[in-house]
Amino acid sequence: MIEEIIKNYLDGHFIAPSFLERPENPPERYIIFEKTGGSETNHIDSATIAFQCYAESLYEASKLNVKLKACLNEMIYFTDISKAKLNSDYNFTDPETKEYRYQAVYDFKY
């Protein structure tokens, strides 16, 4: 399961905790990620994963996003993932909760 591979990797290699859903008592900085799509062709799986970096300010969320992208780009050397390509990233501040966050969307092959 791609989510498990990513979660295990981030837990061992990233500076902020990662979650698959919003924690009840979130820390000051953290990441939530979810699979937003996927397919299989010739026994090769692909997935699109959205990563949301939360922090105490927009600047800190942006910095966390940059560090996350560097970490994800290194994944192909340490996991069963053969491709980790940035699809897009952008400010994704939540207007409802007023929480600062950036979102990076990645395409994976595994």
PDB file of N, CA and C in Angstrom:
ATOM      1  N   MET A   1       0.840  -1.170   0.000  1.00  0.00           N
ATOM      2  CA  MET A   1       0.000   0.000   0.000  1.00  0.00           C
ATOM      3  C   MET A   1       0.891   1.242   0.000  1.00  0.00           C
ATOM      4  N   ILE A   2       0.721   2.110  -0.969  1.00  0.00           N
ATOM      5  CA  ILE A   2       1.579   3.277  -1.141  1.00  0.00           C
ATOM      6  C   ILE A   2       1.559   4.199   0.080  1.00  0.00           C
ATOM      7  N   GLU A   3       0.404   4.340   0.708  1.00  0.00           N
ATOM      8  CA  GLU A   3       0.317   5.210   1.888  1.00  0.00           C
ATOM      9  C   GLU A   3       1.240   4.711   3.007  1.00  0.00           C
ATOM     10  N   GLU A   4       1.300   3.399   3.188  1.00  0.00           N
ATOM     11  CA  GLU A   4       2.144   2.829   4.235  1.00  0.00           C
ATOM     12  C   GLU A   4       3.626   3.052   3.922  1.00  0.00           C
ATOM     13  N   ILE A   5       4.017   2.880   2.670  1.00  0.00           N
ATOM     14  CA  ILE A   5       5.408   3.113   2.266  1.00  0.00           C
ATOM     15  C   ILE A   5       5.796   4.565   2.542  1.00  0.00           C
ATOM     16  N   ILE A   6       4.940   5.494   2.136  1.00  0.00           N
ATOM     17  CA  ILE A   6       5.230   6.920   2.324  1.00  0.00           C
ATOM     18  C   ILE A   6       5.263   7.272   3.809  1.00  0.00           C
ATOM     19  N   LYS A   7       4.289   6.805   4.558  1.00  0.00           N
ATOM     20  CA  LYS A   7       4.223   7.102   5.992  1.00  0.00           C
ATOM     21  C   LYS A   7       5.480   6.611   6.708  1.00  0.00           C
ATOM     22  N   ASN A   8       5.872   5.376   6.437  1.00  0.00           N
ATOM     23  CA  ASN A   8       7.066   4.820   7.084  1.00  0.00           C
ATOM     24  C   ASN A   8       8.314   5.611   6.706  1.00  0.00           C
ATOM     25  N   TYR A   9       8.404   6.002   5.448  1.00  0.00           N
ATOM     26  CA  TYR A   9       9.564   6.770   5.015  1.00  0.00           C
ATOM     27  C   TYR A   9       9.593   8.140   5.694  1.00  0.00           C
ATOM     28  N   LEU A  10       8.483   8.849   5.672  1.00  0.00           N
ATOM     29  CA  LEU A  10       8.450  10.178   6.291  1.00  0.00           C
ATOM     30  C   LEU A  10       8.731  10.108   7.783  1.00  0.00           C
ATOM     31  N   ASP A  11       8.185   9.095   8.450  1.00  0.00           N
ATOM     32  CA  ASP A  11       8.414   8.970   9.891  1.00  0.00           C
ATOM     33  C   ASP A  11       9.893   8.786  10.217  1.00  0.00           C
ATOM     34  N   GLY A  12      10.641   8.187   9.308  1.00  0.00           N
ATOM     35  CA  GLY A  12      12.064   7.973   9.546  1.00  0.00           C
ATOM     36  C   GLY A  12      12.986   9.031   8.981  1.00  0.00           C
ATOM     37  N   HIS A  13      12.473   9.895   8.089  1.00  0.00           N
ATOM     38  CA  HIS A  13      13.361  10.816   7.380  1.00  0.00           C
ATOM     39  C   HIS A  13      12.927  12.286   7.390  1.00  0.00           C
ATOM     40  N   PHE A  14      11.793  12.617   7.983  1.00  0.00           N
ATOM     41  CA  PHE A  14      11.328  14.001   7.892  1.00  0.00           C
ATOM     42  C   PHE A  14      11.256  14.645   9.260  1.00  0.00           C
ATOM     43  N   ILE A  15      11.374  15.972   9.276  1.00  0.00           N
ATOM     44  CA  ILE A  15      11.473  16.725  10.527  1.00  0.00           C
ATOM     45  C   ILE A  15      10.142  16.956  11.229  1.00  0.00           C
ATOM     46  N   ALA A  16       9.038  16.773  10.527  1.00  0.00           N
ATOM     47  CA  ALA A  16       7.713  17.001  11.120  1.00  0.00           C
ATOM     48  C   ALA A  16       6.920  15.695  11.060  1.00  0.00           C
ATOM     49  N   PRO A  17       6.034  15.460  12.015  1.00  0.00           N
ATOM     50  CA  PRO A  17       5.226  14.238  11.980  1.00  0.00           C
ATOM     51  C   PRO A  17       4.245  14.246  10.808  1.00  0.00           C
ATOM     52  N   SER A  18       3.935  13.049  10.312  1.00  0.00           N
ATOM     53  CA  SER A  18       2.972  12.928   9.212  1.00  0.00           C
ATOM     54  C   SER A  18       1.775  12.108   9.669  1.00  0.00           C
ATOM     55  N   PHE A  19       0.633  12.428   9.072  1.00  0.00           N
ATOM     56  CA  PHE A  19      -0.618  11.764   9.427  1.00  0.00           C
ATOM     57  C   PHE A  19      -1.430  11.524   8.156  1.00  0.00           C
ATOM     58  N   LEU A  20      -2.312  10.534   8.210  1.00  0.00           N
ATOM     59  CA  LEU A  20      -3.220  10.272   7.103  1.00  0.00           C
ATOM     60  C   LEU A  20      -4.548  10.986   7.298  1.00  0.00           C
ATOM     61  N   GLU A  21      -4.784  11.477   8.492  1.00  0.00           N
ATOM     62  CA  GLU A  21      -5.956  12.295   8.781  1.00  0.00           C
ATOM     63  C   GLU A  21      -5.588  13.273   9.884  1.00  0.00           C
ATOM     64  N   ARG A  22      -6.383  14.303  10.016  1.00  0.00           N
ATOM     65  CA  ARG A  22      -6.078  15.353  10.992  1.00  0.00           C
ATOM     66  C   ARG A  22      -6.085  14.782  12.411  1.00  0.00           C
ATOM     67  N   PRO A  23      -4.988  14.992  13.150  1.00  0.00           N
ATOM     68  CA  PRO A  23      -4.948  14.508  14.533  1.00  0.00           C
ATOM     69  C   PRO A  23      -5.867  15.333  15.434  1.00  0.00           C
ATOM     70  N   GLU A  24      -6.303  14.712  16.508  1.00  0.00           N
ATOM     71  CA  GLU A  24      -7.202  15.392  17.434  1.00  0.00           C
ATOM     72  C   GLU A  24      -6.543  16.618  18.051  1.00  0.00           C
ATOM     73  N   ASN A  25      -5.287  16.484  18.453  1.00  0.00           N
ATOM     74  CA  ASN A  25      -4.509  17.584  19.017  1.00  0.00           C
ATOM     75  C   ASN A  25      -3.253  17.765  18.161  1.00  0.00           C
ATOM     76  N   PRO A  26      -3.368  18.494  17.052  1.00  0.00           N
ATOM     77  CA  PRO A  26      -2.228  18.586  16.135  1.00  0.00           C
ATOM     78  C   PRO A  26      -1.064  19.361  16.730  1.00  0.00           C
ATOM     79  N   PRO A  27       0.161  18.946  16.365  1.00  0.00           N
ATOM     80  CA  PRO A  27       1.333  19.723  16.777  1.00  0.00           C
ATOM     81  C   PRO A  27       1.404  21.028  15.992  1.00  0.00           C
ATOM     82  N   GLU A  28       2.374  21.858  16.325  1.00  0.00           N
ATOM     83  CA  GLU A  28       2.504  23.160  15.663  1.00  0.00           C
ATOM     84  C   GLU A  28       2.796  23.001  14.167  1.00  0.00           C
ATOM     85  N   ARG A  29       3.644  22.031  13.829  1.00  0.00           N
ATOM     86  CA  ARG A  29       3.988  21.746  12.430  1.00  0.00           C
ATOM     87  C   ARG A  29       3.760  20.274  12.163  1.00  0.00           C
ATOM     88  N   TYR A  30       3.095  19.983  11.054  1.00  0.00           N
ATOM     89  CA  TYR A  30       2.843  18.591  10.701  1.00  0.00           C
ATOM     90  C   TYR A  30       2.406  18.498   9.248  1.00  0.00           C
ATOM     91  N   ILE A  31       2.298  17.257   8.771  1.00  0.00           N
ATOM     92  CA  ILE A  31       1.896  16.991   7.393  1.00  0.00           C
ATOM     93  C   ILE A  31       0.745  15.997   7.398  1.00  0.00           C
ATOM     94  N   ILE A  32      -0.224  16.261   6.555  1.00  0.00           N
ATOM     95  CA  ILE A  32      -1.298  15.310   6.276  1.00  0.00           C
ATOM     96  C   ILE A  32      -1.188  14.971   4.795  1.00  0.00           C
ATOM     97  N   PHE A  33      -1.318  13.691   4.481  1.00  0.00           N
ATOM     98  CA  PHE A  33      -1.313  13.333   3.069  1.00  0.00           C
ATOM     99  C   PHE A  33      -2.414  12.339   2.771  1.00  0.00           C
ATOM    100  N   GLU A  34      -2.854  12.349   1.497  1.00  0.00           N
ATOM    101  CA  GLU A  34      -3.900  11.436   1.066  1.00  0.00           C
ATOM    102  C   GLU A  34      -3.737  11.104  -0.403  1.00  0.00           C
ATOM    103  N   LYS A  35      -4.131   9.904  -0.738  1.00  0.00           N
ATOM    104  CA  LYS A  35      -4.121   9.480  -2.134  1.00  0.00           C
ATOM    105  C   LYS A  35      -5.365  10.056  -2.796  1.00  0.00           C
ATOM    106  N   THR A  36      -5.159  10.772  -3.896  1.00  0.00           N
ATOM    107  CA  THR A  36      -6.291  11.400  -4.583  1.00  0.00           C
ATOM    108  C   THR A  36      -6.634  10.716  -5.895  1.00  0.00           C
ATOM    109  N   GLY A  37      -5.778   9.775  -6.302  1.00  0.00           N
ATOM    110  CA  GLY A  37      -6.052   9.039  -7.535  1.00  0.00           C
ATOM    111  C   GLY A  37      -4.995   7.989  -7.752  1.00  0.00           C
ATOM    112  N   GLY A  38      -5.258   7.085  -8.682  1.00  0.00           N
ATOM    113  CA  GLY A  38      -4.290   6.054  -8.989  1.00  0.00           C
ATOM    114  C   GLY A  38      -4.751   5.172 -10.123  1.00  0.00           C
ATOM    115  N   SER A  39      -3.818   4.368 -10.627  1.00  0.00           N
ATOM    116  CA  SER A  39      -4.136   3.426 -11.695  1.00  0.00           C
ATOM    117  C   SER A  39      -3.070   2.346 -11.742  1.00  0.00           C
ATOM    118  N   GLU A  40      -3.284   1.383 -12.652  1.00  0.00           N
ATOM    119  CA  GLU A  40      -2.315   0.321 -12.869  1.00  0.00           C
ATOM    120  C   GLU A  40      -2.235   0.051 -14.365  1.00  0.00           C
ATOM    121  N   THR A  41      -0.999  -0.008 -14.878  1.00  0.00           N
ATOM    122  CA  THR A  41      -0.759  -0.326 -16.277  1.00  0.00           C
ATOM    123  C   THR A  41       0.409  -1.293 -16.356  1.00  0.00           C
ATOM    124  N   ASN A  42       0.202  -2.417 -17.006  1.00  0.00           N
ATOM    125  CA  ASN A  42       1.264  -3.415 -17.158  1.00  0.00           C
ATOM    126  C   ASN A  42       1.906  -3.792 -15.816  1.00  0.00           C
ATOM    127  N   HIS A  43       1.084  -3.972 -14.802  1.00  0.00           N
ATOM    128  CA  HIS A  43       1.516  -4.371 -13.455  1.00  0.00           C
ATOM    129  C   HIS A  43       2.346  -3.301 -12.746  1.00  0.00           C
ATOM    130  N   ILE A  44       2.298  -2.076 -13.235  1.00  0.00           N
ATOM    131  CA  ILE A  44       2.970  -0.957 -12.574  1.00  0.00           C
ATOM    132  C   ILE A  44       1.890  -0.032 -12.021  1.00  0.00           C
ATOM    133  N   ASP A  45       1.935   0.161 -10.721  1.00  0.00           N
ATOM    134  CA  ASP A  45       0.949   1.014 -10.066  1.00  0.00           C
ATOM    135  C   ASP A  45       1.400   2.467 -10.110  1.00  0.00           C
ATOM    136  N   SER A  46       0.430   3.354 -10.177  1.00  0.00           N
ATOM    137  CA  SER A  46       0.705   4.785 -10.062  1.00  0.00           C
ATOM    138  C   SER A  46      -0.300   5.387  -9.093  1.00  0.00           C
ATOM    139  N   ALA A  47       0.109   6.467  -8.465  1.00  0.00           N
ATOM    140  CA  ALA A  47      -0.770   7.146  -7.508  1.00  0.00           C
ATOM    141  C   ALA A  47      -0.464   8.632  -7.517  1.00  0.00           C
ATOM    142  N   THR A  48      -1.484   9.424  -7.288  1.00  0.00           N
ATOM    143  CA  THR A  48      -1.327  10.857  -7.067  1.00  0.00           C
ATOM    144  C   THR A  48      -1.617  11.094  -5.588  1.00  0.00           C
ATOM    145  N   ILE A  49      -0.675  11.730  -4.921  1.00  0.00           N
ATOM    146  CA  ILE A  49      -0.783  11.967  -3.481  1.00  0.00           C
ATOM    147  C   ILE A  49      -0.674  13.467  -3.223  1.00  0.00           C
ATOM    148  N   ALA A  50      -1.598  13.985  -2.410  1.00  0.00           N
ATOM    149  CA  ALA A  50      -1.570  15.394  -1.999  1.00  0.00           C
ATOM    150  C   ALA A  50      -1.016  15.479  -0.577  1.00  0.00           C
ATOM    151  N   PHE A  51       0.000  16.302  -0.395  1.00  0.00           N
ATOM    152  CA  PHE A  51       0.640  16.522   0.903  1.00  0.00           C
ATOM    153  C   PHE A  51       0.337  17.935   1.356  1.00  0.00           C
ATOM    154  N   GLN A  52      -0.186  18.070   2.555  1.00  0.00           N
ATOM    155  CA  GLN A  52      -0.494  19.390   3.106  1.00  0.00           C
ATOM    156  C   GLN A  52       0.415  19.653   4.299  1.00  0.00           C
ATOM    157  N   CYS A  53       1.215  20.708   4.192  1.00  0.00           N
ATOM    158  CA  CYS A  53       2.154  21.100   5.233  1.00  0.00           C
ATOM    159  C   CYS A  53       1.537  22.210   6.079  1.00  0.00           C
ATOM    160  N   TYR A  54       1.344  21.935   7.349  1.00  0.00           N
ATOM    161  CA  TYR A  54       0.758  22.903   8.280  1.00  0.00           C
ATOM    162  C   TYR A  54       1.858  23.496   9.162  1.00  0.00           C
ATOM    163  N   ALA A  55       1.771  24.797   9.424  1.00  0.00           N
ATOM    164  CA  ALA A  55       2.717  25.461  10.322  1.00  0.00           C
ATOM    165  C   ALA A  55       2.067  26.703  10.912  1.00  0.00           C
ATOM    166  N   GLU A  56       2.812  27.354  11.802  1.00  0.00           N
ATOM    167  CA  GLU A  56       2.264  28.490  12.545  1.00  0.00           C
ATOM    168  C   GLU A  56       2.187  29.776  11.733  1.00  0.00           C
ATOM    169  N   SER A  57       2.853  29.819  10.590  1.00  0.00           N
ATOM    170  CA  SER A  57       2.772  30.981   9.712  1.00  0.00           C
ATOM    171  C   SER A  57       2.845  30.509   8.264  1.00  0.00           C
ATOM    172  N   LEU A  58       2.460  31.372   7.357  1.00  0.00           N
ATOM    173  CA  LEU A  58       2.527  31.022   5.938  1.00  0.00           C
ATOM    174  C   LEU A  58       3.972  30.787   5.514  1.00  0.00           C
ATOM    175  N   TYR A  59       4.875  31.602   6.025  1.00  0.00           N
ATOM    176  CA  TYR A  59       6.292  31.450   5.708  1.00  0.00           C
ATOM    177  C   TYR A  59       6.811  30.086   6.185  1.00  0.00           C
ATOM    178  N   GLU A  60       6.483  29.706   7.402  1.00  0.00           N
ATOM    179  CA  GLU A  60       6.944  28.427   7.949  1.00  0.00           C
ATOM    180  C   GLU A  60       6.308  27.247   7.201  1.00  0.00           C
ATOM    181  N   ALA A  61       5.054  27.390   6.798  1.00  0.00           N
ATOM    182  CA  ALA A  61       4.402  26.336   6.001  1.00  0.00           C
ATOM    183  C   ALA A  61       5.101  26.196   4.652  1.00  0.00           C
ATOM    184  N   SER A  62       5.485  27.316   4.067  1.00  0.00           N
ATOM    185  CA  SER A  62       6.208  27.307   2.803  1.00  0.00           C
ATOM    186  C   SER A  62       7.568  26.627   2.958  1.00  0.00           C
ATOM    187  N   LYS A  63       8.302  26.944   4.022  1.00  0.00           N
ATOM    188  CA  LYS A  63       9.599  26.316   4.276  1.00  0.00           C
ATOM    189  C   LYS A  63       9.448  24.808   4.497  1.00  0.00           C
ATOM    190  N   LEU A  64       8.408  24.424   5.232  1.00  0.00           N
ATOM    191  CA  LEU A  64       8.163  23.000   5.470  1.00  0.00           C
ATOM    192  C   LEU A  64       7.870  22.290   4.149  1.00  0.00           C
ATOM    193  N   ASN A  65       7.140  22.956   3.275  1.00  0.00           N
ATOM    194  CA  ASN A  65       6.822  22.404   1.955  1.00  0.00           C
ATOM    195  C   ASN A  65       8.095  22.177   1.134  1.00  0.00           C
ATOM    196  N   VAL A  66       9.017  23.118   1.169  1.00  0.00           N
ATOM    197  CA  VAL A  66      10.282  22.979   0.440  1.00  0.00           C
ATOM    198  C   VAL A  66      11.075  21.780   0.975  1.00  0.00           C
ATOM    199  N   LYS A  67      11.124  21.635   2.290  1.00  0.00           N
ATOM    200  CA  LYS A  67      11.838  20.502   2.896  1.00  0.00           C
ATOM    201  C   LYS A  67      11.147  19.177   2.572  1.00  0.00           C
ATOM    202  N   LEU A  68       9.828  19.184   2.543  1.00  0.00           N
ATOM    203  CA  LEU A  68       9.084  17.974   2.187  1.00  0.00           C
ATOM    204  C   LEU A  68       9.406  17.551   0.762  1.00  0.00           C
ATOM    205  N   LYS A  69       9.427  18.499  -0.167  1.00  0.00           N
ATOM    206  CA  LYS A  69       9.712  18.172  -1.567  1.00  0.00           C
ATOM    207  C   LYS A  69      11.106  17.564  -1.702  1.00  0.00           C
ATOM    208  N   ALA A  70      12.064  18.094  -0.998  1.00  0.00           N
ATOM    209  CA  ALA A  70      13.424  17.527  -1.042  1.00  0.00           C
ATOM    210  C   ALA A  70      13.419  16.102  -0.499  1.00  0.00           C
ATOM    211  N   CYS A  71      12.697  15.879   0.572  1.00  0.00           N
ATOM    212  CA  CYS A  71      12.603  14.546   1.172  1.00  0.00           C
ATOM    213  C   CYS A  71      11.922  13.558   0.220  1.00  0.00           C
ATOM    214  N   LEU A  72      10.826  13.966  -0.389  1.00  0.00           N
ATOM    215  CA  LEU A  72      10.102  13.085  -1.302  1.00  0.00           C
ATOM    216  C   LEU A  72      10.925  12.750  -2.540  1.00  0.00           C
ATOM    217  N   ASN A  73      11.724  13.692  -3.011  1.00  0.00           N
ATOM    218  CA  ASN A  73      12.561  13.433  -4.180  1.00  0.00           C
ATOM    219  C   ASN A  73      13.643  12.397  -3.885  1.00  0.00           C
ATOM    220  N   GLU A  74      14.009  12.230  -2.615  1.00  0.00           N
ATOM    221  CA  GLU A  74      15.009  11.240  -2.216  1.00  0.00           C
ATOM    222  C   GLU A  74      14.408   9.848  -2.015  1.00  0.00           C
ATOM    223  N   MET A  75      13.092   9.755  -1.935  1.00  0.00           N
ATOM    224  CA  MET A  75      12.429   8.477  -1.637  1.00  0.00           C
ATOM    225  C   MET A  75      12.792   7.357  -2.601  1.00  0.00           C
ATOM    226  N   ILE A  76      13.006   7.692  -3.851  1.00  0.00           N
ATOM    227  CA  ILE A  76      13.235   6.653  -4.860  1.00  0.00           C
ATOM    228  C   ILE A  76      14.523   5.874  -4.593  1.00  0.00           C
ATOM    229  N   TYR A  77      15.430   6.431  -3.795  1.00  0.00           N
ATOM    230  CA  TYR A  77      16.672   5.739  -3.482  1.00  0.00           C
ATOM    231  C   TYR A  77      16.531   4.776  -2.309  1.00  0.00           C
ATOM    232  N   PHE A  78      15.463   4.895  -1.536  1.00  0.00           N
ATOM    233  CA  PHE A  78      15.342   4.137  -0.298  1.00  0.00           C
ATOM    234  C   PHE A  78      14.085   3.272  -0.180  1.00  0.00           C
ATOM    235  N   THR A  79      13.208   3.306  -1.165  1.00  0.00           N
ATOM    236  CA  THR A  79      11.945   2.569  -1.075  1.00  0.00           C
ATOM    237  C   THR A  79      11.686   1.813  -2.370  1.00  0.00           C
ATOM    238  N   ASP A  80      10.530   1.170  -2.442  1.00  0.00           N
ATOM    239  CA  ASP A  80      10.103   0.466  -3.649  1.00  0.00           C
ATOM    240  C   ASP A  80       9.453   1.411  -4.657  1.00  0.00           C
ATOM    241  N   ILE A  81       9.512   2.684  -4.407  1.00  0.00           N
ATOM    242  CA  ILE A  81       8.939   3.676  -5.318  1.00  0.00           C
ATOM    243  C   ILE A  81       9.974   3.993  -6.399  1.00  0.00           C
ATOM    244  N   SER A  82       9.564   3.906  -7.653  1.00  0.00           N
ATOM    245  CA  SER A  82      10.507   4.142  -8.750  1.00  0.00           C
ATOM    246  C   SER A  82      10.414   5.549  -9.333  1.00  0.00           C
ATOM    247  N   LYS A  83       9.345   6.268  -9.021  1.00  0.00           N
ATOM    248  CA  LYS A  83       9.198   7.632  -9.530  1.00  0.00           C
ATOM    249  C   LYS A  83       8.439   8.468  -8.505  1.00  0.00           C
ATOM    250  N   ALA A  84       8.970   9.637  -8.228  1.00  0.00           N
ATOM    251  CA  ALA A  84       8.304  10.620  -7.373  1.00  0.00           C
ATOM    252  C   ALA A  84       8.462  11.958  -8.075  1.00  0.00           C
ATOM    253  N   LYS A  85       7.403  12.410  -8.734  1.00  0.00           N
ATOM    254  CA  LYS A  85       7.479  13.629  -9.553  1.00  0.00           C
ATOM    255  C   LYS A  85       6.492  14.674  -9.030  1.00  0.00           C
ATOM    256  N   LEU A  86       7.003  15.866  -8.798  1.00  0.00           N
ATOM    257  CA  LEU A  86       6.139  16.959  -8.361  1.00  0.00           C
ATOM    258  C   LEU A  86       5.181  17.327  -9.485  1.00  0.00           C
ATOM    259  N   ASN A  87       3.907  17.301  -9.174  1.00  0.00           N
ATOM    260  CA  ASN A  87       2.866  17.700 -10.117  1.00  0.00           C
ATOM    261  C   ASN A  87       2.627  19.202  -9.987  1.00  0.00           C
ATOM    262  N   SER A  88       2.445  19.670  -8.734  1.00  0.00           N
ATOM    263  CA  SER A  88       2.260  21.096  -8.464  1.00  0.00           C
ATOM    264  C   SER A  88       2.382  21.347  -6.966  1.00  0.00           C
ATOM    265  N   ASP A  89       2.632  22.593  -6.600  1.00  0.00           N
ATOM    266  CA  ASP A  89       2.577  22.985  -5.184  1.00  0.00           C
ATOM    267  C   ASP A  89       2.168  24.439  -5.097  1.00  0.00           C
ATOM    268  N   TYR A  90       1.498  24.785  -4.000  1.00  0.00           N
ATOM    269  CA  TYR A  90       0.889  26.104  -3.897  1.00  0.00           C
ATOM    270  C   TYR A  90       0.410  26.368  -2.477  1.00  0.00           C
ATOM    271  N   ASN A  91       0.176  27.645  -2.193  1.00  0.00           N
ATOM    272  CA  ASN A  91      -0.427  28.055  -0.928  1.00  0.00           C
ATOM    273  C   ASN A  91      -1.838  27.468  -0.867  1.00  0.00           C
ATOM    274  N   PHE A  92      -2.150  26.818   0.230  1.00  0.00           N
ATOM    275  CA  PHE A  92      -3.445  26.159   0.373  1.00  0.00           C
ATOM    276  C   PHE A  92      -4.026  26.464   1.757  1.00  0.00           C
ATOM    277  N   THR A  93      -3.855  27.718   2.195  1.00  0.00           N
ATOM    278  CA  THR A  93      -4.333  28.117   3.517  1.00  0.00           C
ATOM    279  C   THR A  93      -5.828  27.834   3.624  1.00  0.00           C
ATOM    280  N   ASP A  94      -6.216  27.234   4.738  1.00  0.00           N
ATOM    281  CA  ASP A  94      -7.608  26.842   4.959  1.00  0.00           C
ATOM    282  C   ASP A  94      -8.405  28.055   5.433  1.00  0.00           C
ATOM    283  N   PRO A  95      -9.315  28.595   4.599  1.00  0.00           N
ATOM    284  CA  PRO A  95     -10.058  29.785   4.999  1.00  0.00           C
ATOM    285  C   PRO A  95     -11.034  29.525   6.144  1.00  0.00           C
ATOM    286  N   GLU A  96     -11.476  28.295   6.272  1.00  0.00           N
ATOM    287  CA  GLU A  96     -12.438  27.973   7.324  1.00  0.00           C
ATOM    288  C   GLU A  96     -11.776  27.940   8.703  1.00  0.00           C
ATOM    289  N   THR A  97     -10.647  27.243   8.809  1.00  0.00           N
ATOM    290  CA  THR A  97      -9.970  27.121  10.106  1.00  0.00           C
ATOM    291  C   THR A  97      -8.896  28.185  10.301  1.00  0.00           C
ATOM    292  N   LYS A  98      -8.576  28.933   9.237  1.00  0.00           N
ATOM    293  CA  LYS A  98      -7.537  29.960   9.258  1.00  0.00           C
ATOM    294  C   LYS A  98      -6.153  29.368   9.571  1.00  0.00           C
ATOM    295  N   GLU A  99      -5.951  28.101   9.201  1.00  0.00           N
ATOM    296  CA  GLU A  99      -4.659  27.462   9.410  1.00  0.00           C
ATOM    297  C   GLU A  99      -3.803  27.631   8.157  1.00  0.00           C
ATOM    298  N   TYR A 100      -2.522  27.980   8.390  1.00  0.00           N
ATOM    299  CA  TYR A 100      -1.603  28.139   7.277  1.00  0.00           C
ATOM    300  C   TYR A 100      -1.141  26.773   6.798  1.00  0.00           C
ATOM    301  N   ARG A 101      -1.183  26.576   5.477  1.00  0.00           N
ATOM    302  CA  ARG A 101      -0.703  25.322   4.916  1.00  0.00           C
ATOM    303  C   ARG A 101      -0.319  25.525   3.456  1.00  0.00           C
ATOM    304  N   TYR A 102       0.600  24.695   3.029  1.00  0.00           N
ATOM    305  CA  TYR A 102       0.982  24.595   1.626  1.00  0.00           C
ATOM    306  C   TYR A 102       0.646  23.188   1.178  1.00  0.00           C
ATOM    307  N   GLN A 103       0.324  23.043  -0.098  1.00  0.00           N
ATOM    308  CA  GLN A 103       0.036  21.702  -0.624  1.00  0.00           C
ATOM    309  C   GLN A 103       0.985  21.400  -1.775  1.00  0.00           C
ATOM    310  N   ALA A 104       1.543  20.200  -1.735  1.00  0.00           N
ATOM    311  CA  ALA A 104       2.365  19.676  -2.823  1.00  0.00           C
ATOM    312  C   ALA A 104       1.694  18.410  -3.316  1.00  0.00           C
ATOM    313  N   VAL A 105       1.486  18.323  -4.611  1.00  0.00           N
ATOM    314  CA  VAL A 105       0.855  17.153  -5.225  1.00  0.00           C
ATOM    315  C   VAL A 105       1.926  16.408  -6.009  1.00  0.00           C
ATOM    316  N   TYR A 106       2.062  15.122  -5.708  1.00  0.00           N
ATOM    317  CA  TYR A 106       3.087  14.280  -6.344  1.00  0.00           C
ATOM    318  C   TYR A 106       2.449  13.122  -7.094  1.00  0.00           C
ATOM    319  N   ASP A 107       3.106  12.742  -8.180  1.00  0.00           N
ATOM    320  CA  ASP A 107       2.758  11.535  -8.929  1.00  0.00           C
ATOM    321  C   ASP A 107       3.832  10.493  -8.657  1.00  0.00           C
ATOM    322  N   PHE A 108       3.387   9.303  -8.255  1.00  0.00           N
ATOM    323  CA  PHE A 108       4.297   8.210  -7.917  1.00  0.00           C
ATOM    324  C   PHE A 108       4.085   7.019  -8.829  1.00  0.00           C
ATOM    325  N   LYS A 109       5.152   6.276  -9.075  1.00  0.00           N
ATOM    326  CA  LYS A 109       5.103   4.956  -9.710  1.00  0.00           C
ATOM    327  C   LYS A 109       5.756   4.001  -8.724  1.00  0.00           C
ATOM    328  N   TYR A 110       5.141   2.820  -8.577  1.00  0.00           N
ATOM    329  CA  TYR A 110       5.685   1.852  -7.609  1.00  0.00           C
ATOM    330  C   TYR A 110       5.312   0.430  -8.002  1.00  0.00           C
TER     331      TYR A 110
END
